[in-house]
Amino acid sequence: MSVEAAQLIEQVELEVRSLPIERIQEVLDFIGFLKSKISSPSRPPRGSPEALLECAGIWEFEPGELDKILADIERARNIELETEPGVAK
């Protein structure tokens, strides 16, 4: 531990000793919050393969429902391609 860190810890300890017990509990809660921010990895960007993999296994489809969804996506892509300027029809 660096000298600077030791000094900060000592300063925090002195300040905490002057607080009422209820406030000390709030300080502990805040420390827990800060630690959780450090230890938990950031979430992958929405829509990225990593983010989608987090959901793998929790989706449930009726028989044939996924095929219908995929067909709808394909139709929408085709319509979009047909309406883009500069795309041959």
N, C-alpha and C. Protein backbone atom coordinates (compact mmCIF):
# COMPACT_ATOMS: atom_id res chain seq x y z
N MET A 1 0.85 -1.18 0.00
CA MET A 1 0.00 0.00 0.00
C MET A 1 0.89 1.24 0.00
N SER A 2 0.53 2.20 -0.82
CA SER A 2 1.33 3.42 -0.91
C SER A 2 1.11 4.30 0.32
N VAL A 3 2.03 5.21 0.51
CA VAL A 3 1.93 6.15 1.64
C VAL A 3 0.67 7.00 1.48
N GLU A 4 0.39 7.41 0.26
CA GLU A 4 -0.80 8.23 0.01
C GLU A 4 -2.07 7.46 0.37
N ALA A 5 -2.14 6.19 -0.02
CA ALA A 5 -3.31 5.37 0.31
C ALA A 5 -3.45 5.22 1.82
N ALA A 6 -2.36 4.98 2.50
CA ALA A 6 -2.40 4.83 3.96
C ALA A 6 -2.89 6.11 4.62
N GLN A 7 -2.47 7.25 4.10
CA GLN A 7 -2.92 8.54 4.66
C GLN A 7 -4.42 8.74 4.43
N LEU A 8 -4.88 8.38 3.24
CA LEU A 8 -6.31 8.51 2.96
C LEU A 8 -7.14 7.61 3.86
N ILE A 9 -6.68 6.39 4.05
CA ILE A 9 -7.40 5.44 4.91
C ILE A 9 -7.46 5.98 6.33
N GLU A 10 -6.36 6.53 6.78
CA GLU A 10 -6.33 7.10 8.13
C GLU A 10 -7.29 8.27 8.25
N GLN A 11 -7.34 9.11 7.22
CA GLN A 11 -8.26 10.25 7.22
C GLN A 11 -9.71 9.78 7.23
N VAL A 12 -10.03 8.76 6.44
CA VAL A 12 -11.39 8.21 6.41
C VAL A 12 -11.73 7.65 7.78
N GLU A 13 -10.81 6.92 8.38
CA GLU A 13 -11.05 6.33 9.70
C GLU A 13 -11.35 7.41 10.74
N LEU A 14 -10.60 8.50 10.71
CA LEU A 14 -10.85 9.59 11.66
C LEU A 14 -12.24 10.20 11.45
N GLU A 15 -12.60 10.38 10.20
CA GLU A 15 -13.92 10.96 9.90
C GLU A 15 -15.04 10.01 10.32
N VAL A 16 -14.89 8.72 10.06
CA VAL A 16 -15.92 7.74 10.39
C VAL A 16 -16.12 7.66 11.90
N ARG A 17 -15.05 7.76 12.66
CA ARG A 17 -15.15 7.70 14.13
C ARG A 17 -16.02 8.81 14.71
N SER A 18 -16.15 9.91 13.97
CA SER A 18 -16.94 11.04 14.49
C SER A 18 -18.41 10.95 14.09
N LEU A 19 -18.78 9.93 13.35
CA LEU A 19 -20.16 9.80 12.87
C LEU A 19 -21.02 8.98 13.83
N PRO A 20 -22.34 9.27 13.83
CA PRO A 20 -23.25 8.40 14.59
C PRO A 20 -23.34 7.04 13.91
N ILE A 21 -23.74 6.02 14.66
CA ILE A 21 -23.76 4.64 14.17
C ILE A 21 -24.57 4.48 12.89
N GLU A 22 -25.70 5.21 12.77
CA GLU A 22 -26.53 5.10 11.57
C GLU A 22 -25.75 5.53 10.33
N ARG A 23 -24.98 6.58 10.48
CA ARG A 23 -24.19 7.09 9.35
C ARG A 23 -23.04 6.16 9.01
N ILE A 24 -22.49 5.49 10.01
CA ILE A 24 -21.42 4.53 9.76
C ILE A 24 -21.95 3.39 8.89
N GLN A 25 -23.19 2.96 9.17
CA GLN A 25 -23.80 1.92 8.34
C GLN A 25 -23.95 2.40 6.90
N GLU A 26 -24.31 3.67 6.71
CA GLU A 26 -24.42 4.22 5.36
C GLU A 26 -23.07 4.23 4.67
N VAL A 27 -22.01 4.54 5.42
CA VAL A 27 -20.66 4.52 4.85
C VAL A 27 -20.32 3.10 4.39
N LEU A 28 -20.64 2.12 5.21
CA LEU A 28 -20.38 0.72 4.84
C LEU A 28 -21.17 0.33 3.59
N ASP A 29 -22.42 0.76 3.53
CA ASP A 29 -23.24 0.48 2.34
C ASP A 29 -22.60 1.10 1.10
N PHE A 30 -22.12 2.33 1.25
CA PHE A 30 -21.51 3.01 0.11
C PHE A 30 -20.22 2.31 -0.31
N ILE A 31 -19.44 1.85 0.64
CA ILE A 31 -18.22 1.11 0.33
C ILE A 31 -18.58 -0.16 -0.45
N GLY A 32 -19.63 -0.85 -0.01
CA GLY A 32 -20.09 -2.04 -0.74
C GLY A 32 -20.48 -1.70 -2.17
N PHE A 33 -21.16 -0.58 -2.33
CA PHE A 33 -21.55 -0.13 -3.68
C PHE A 33 -20.32 0.12 -4.54
N LEU A 34 -19.34 0.83 -3.98
CA LEU A 34 -18.12 1.11 -4.73
C LEU A 34 -17.38 -0.16 -5.11
N LYS A 35 -17.32 -1.11 -4.19
CA LYS A 35 -16.63 -2.37 -4.46
C LYS A 35 -17.36 -3.15 -5.56
N SER A 36 -18.68 -3.10 -5.57
CA SER A 36 -19.43 -3.82 -6.60
C SER A 36 -19.19 -3.22 -7.98
N LYS A 37 -18.99 -1.91 -8.05
CA LYS A 37 -18.71 -1.25 -9.31
C LYS A 37 -17.34 -1.66 -9.84
N ILE A 38 -16.40 -1.92 -8.93
CA ILE A 38 -15.05 -2.29 -9.33
C ILE A 38 -15.00 -3.74 -9.76
N SER A 39 -15.66 -4.61 -9.00
CA SER A 39 -15.52 -6.05 -9.24
C SER A 39 -16.42 -6.56 -10.36
N SER A 40 -17.52 -5.88 -10.64
CA SER A 40 -18.41 -6.39 -11.68
C SER A 40 -17.96 -5.85 -13.04
N PRO A 41 -17.78 -6.76 -13.99
CA PRO A 41 -17.36 -6.31 -15.31
C PRO A 41 -18.48 -5.51 -15.98
N SER A 42 -18.10 -4.61 -16.86
CA SER A 42 -19.12 -3.82 -17.53
C SER A 42 -19.89 -4.72 -18.49
N ARG A 43 -21.13 -4.37 -18.71
CA ARG A 43 -21.98 -5.16 -19.61
C ARG A 43 -21.56 -4.92 -21.04
N PRO A 44 -21.67 -5.94 -21.87
CA PRO A 44 -21.34 -5.75 -23.28
C PRO A 44 -22.36 -4.82 -23.93
N PRO A 45 -21.98 -4.17 -25.02
CA PRO A 45 -22.91 -3.25 -25.69
C PRO A 45 -24.19 -3.96 -26.13
N ARG A 46 -25.30 -3.26 -26.01
CA ARG A 46 -26.60 -3.82 -26.38
C ARG A 46 -26.58 -4.26 -27.84
N GLY A 47 -27.08 -5.46 -28.09
CA GLY A 47 -27.16 -6.00 -29.44
C GLY A 47 -25.89 -6.70 -29.92
N SER A 48 -24.83 -6.61 -29.11
CA SER A 48 -23.59 -7.29 -29.52
C SER A 48 -23.75 -8.79 -29.32
N PRO A 49 -22.93 -9.58 -30.02
CA PRO A 49 -23.03 -11.04 -29.83
C PRO A 49 -22.88 -11.45 -28.36
N GLU A 50 -22.00 -10.76 -27.65
CA GLU A 50 -21.81 -11.09 -26.23
C GLU A 50 -23.07 -10.84 -25.42
N ALA A 51 -23.74 -9.72 -25.70
CA ALA A 51 -24.98 -9.39 -24.98
C ALA A 51 -26.07 -10.39 -25.31
N LEU A 52 -26.15 -10.80 -26.57
CA LEU A 52 -27.17 -11.77 -26.96
C LEU A 52 -26.91 -13.12 -26.32
N LEU A 53 -25.65 -13.49 -26.19
CA LEU A 53 -25.32 -14.78 -25.58
C LEU A 53 -25.74 -14.84 -24.11
N GLU A 54 -25.79 -13.67 -23.45
CA GLU A 54 -26.26 -13.65 -22.06
C GLU A 54 -27.70 -14.15 -21.96
N CYS A 55 -28.46 -13.95 -23.03
CA CYS A 55 -29.87 -14.34 -23.04
C CYS A 55 -30.09 -15.74 -23.59
N ALA A 56 -29.06 -16.34 -24.12
CA ALA A 56 -29.20 -17.65 -24.74
C ALA A 56 -29.77 -18.65 -23.73
N GLY A 57 -30.73 -19.38 -24.16
CA GLY A 57 -31.32 -20.39 -23.29
C GLY A 57 -32.55 -19.92 -22.53
N ILE A 58 -32.83 -18.60 -22.55
CA ILE A 58 -34.01 -18.14 -21.81
C ILE A 58 -35.18 -17.82 -22.75
N TRP A 59 -34.90 -17.80 -24.06
CA TRP A 59 -35.99 -17.57 -25.01
C TRP A 59 -36.71 -18.88 -25.26
N GLU A 60 -38.02 -18.78 -25.33
CA GLU A 60 -38.83 -19.96 -25.64
C GLU A 60 -39.78 -19.59 -26.77
N PHE A 61 -39.85 -20.45 -27.77
CA PHE A 61 -40.72 -20.21 -28.91
C PHE A 61 -41.66 -21.39 -29.09
N GLU A 62 -42.84 -21.08 -29.60
CA GLU A 62 -43.78 -22.11 -29.98
C GLU A 62 -43.23 -22.81 -31.22
N PRO A 63 -43.64 -24.03 -31.49
CA PRO A 63 -43.16 -24.70 -32.70
C PRO A 63 -43.44 -23.86 -33.95
N GLY A 64 -42.40 -23.62 -34.74
CA GLY A 64 -42.53 -22.85 -35.97
C GLY A 64 -42.45 -21.34 -35.78
N GLU A 65 -42.53 -20.87 -34.55
CA GLU A 65 -42.55 -19.42 -34.30
C GLU A 65 -41.22 -18.76 -34.70
N LEU A 66 -40.11 -19.39 -34.37
CA LEU A 66 -38.81 -18.82 -34.71
C LEU A 66 -38.63 -18.76 -36.22
N ASP A 67 -39.07 -19.79 -36.93
CA ASP A 67 -38.98 -19.77 -38.40
C ASP A 67 -39.79 -18.62 -38.98
N LYS A 68 -40.96 -18.35 -38.41
CA LYS A 68 -41.80 -17.24 -38.88
C LYS A 68 -41.10 -15.91 -38.62
N ILE A 69 -40.51 -15.76 -37.45
CA ILE A 69 -39.80 -14.52 -37.12
C ILE A 69 -38.64 -14.30 -38.09
N LEU A 70 -37.87 -15.35 -38.34
CA LEU A 70 -36.74 -15.22 -39.25
C LEU A 70 -37.19 -14.90 -40.67
N ALA A 71 -38.30 -15.47 -41.10
CA ALA A 71 -38.85 -15.17 -42.42
C ALA A 71 -39.30 -13.71 -42.49
N ASP A 72 -39.92 -13.21 -41.42
CA ASP A 72 -40.34 -11.81 -41.37
C ASP A 72 -39.14 -10.88 -41.47
N ILE A 73 -38.06 -11.23 -40.80
CA ILE A 73 -36.84 -10.42 -40.85
C ILE A 73 -36.28 -10.41 -42.28
N GLU A 74 -36.27 -11.57 -42.90
CA GLU A 74 -35.77 -11.67 -44.28
C GLU A 74 -36.62 -10.83 -45.23
N ARG A 75 -37.95 -10.88 -45.08
CA ARG A 75 -38.84 -10.06 -45.92
C ARG A 75 -38.57 -8.57 -45.70
N ALA A 76 -38.40 -8.18 -44.45
CA ALA A 76 -38.14 -6.77 -44.14
C ALA A 76 -36.82 -6.32 -44.75
N ARG A 77 -35.81 -7.16 -44.70
CA ARG A 77 -34.52 -6.82 -45.32
C ARG A 77 -34.67 -6.66 -46.83
N ASN A 78 -35.41 -7.55 -47.45
CA ASN A 78 -35.61 -7.47 -48.89
C ASN A 78 -36.35 -6.19 -49.28
N ILE A 79 -37.37 -5.84 -48.52
CA ILE A 79 -38.12 -4.61 -48.79
C ILE A 79 -37.21 -3.41 -48.64
N GLU A 80 -36.39 -3.41 -47.59
CA GLU A 80 -35.47 -2.30 -47.35
C GLU A 80 -34.47 -2.18 -48.50
N LEU A 81 -33.95 -3.30 -48.98
CA LEU A 81 -32.99 -3.27 -50.08
C LEU A 81 -33.64 -2.76 -51.36
N GLU A 82 -34.91 -3.11 -51.58
CA GLU A 82 -35.61 -2.66 -52.79
C GLU A 82 -35.88 -1.17 -52.77
N THR A 83 -36.02 -0.57 -51.60
CA THR A 83 -36.36 0.85 -51.51
C THR A 83 -35.14 1.75 -51.33
N GLU A 84 -33.94 1.19 -51.19
CA GLU A 84 -32.74 2.00 -51.03
C GLU A 84 -32.39 2.67 -52.37
N PRO A 85 -32.04 3.96 -52.32
CA PRO A 85 -31.64 4.64 -53.56
C PRO A 85 -30.38 4.00 -54.13
N GLY A 86 -30.34 3.86 -55.45
CA GLY A 86 -29.17 3.31 -56.10
C GLY A 86 -29.10 1.80 -56.14
N VAL A 87 -30.14 1.12 -55.60
CA VAL A 87 -30.17 -0.33 -55.64
C VAL A 87 -31.01 -0.77 -56.83
N ALA A 88 -30.43 -1.61 -57.68
CA ALA A 88 -31.16 -2.08 -58.86
C ALA A 88 -32.33 -2.94 -58.46
N LYS A 89 -33.46 -2.78 -59.16
CA LYS A 89 -34.65 -3.57 -58.85
C LYS A 89 -34.82 -4.67 -59.84
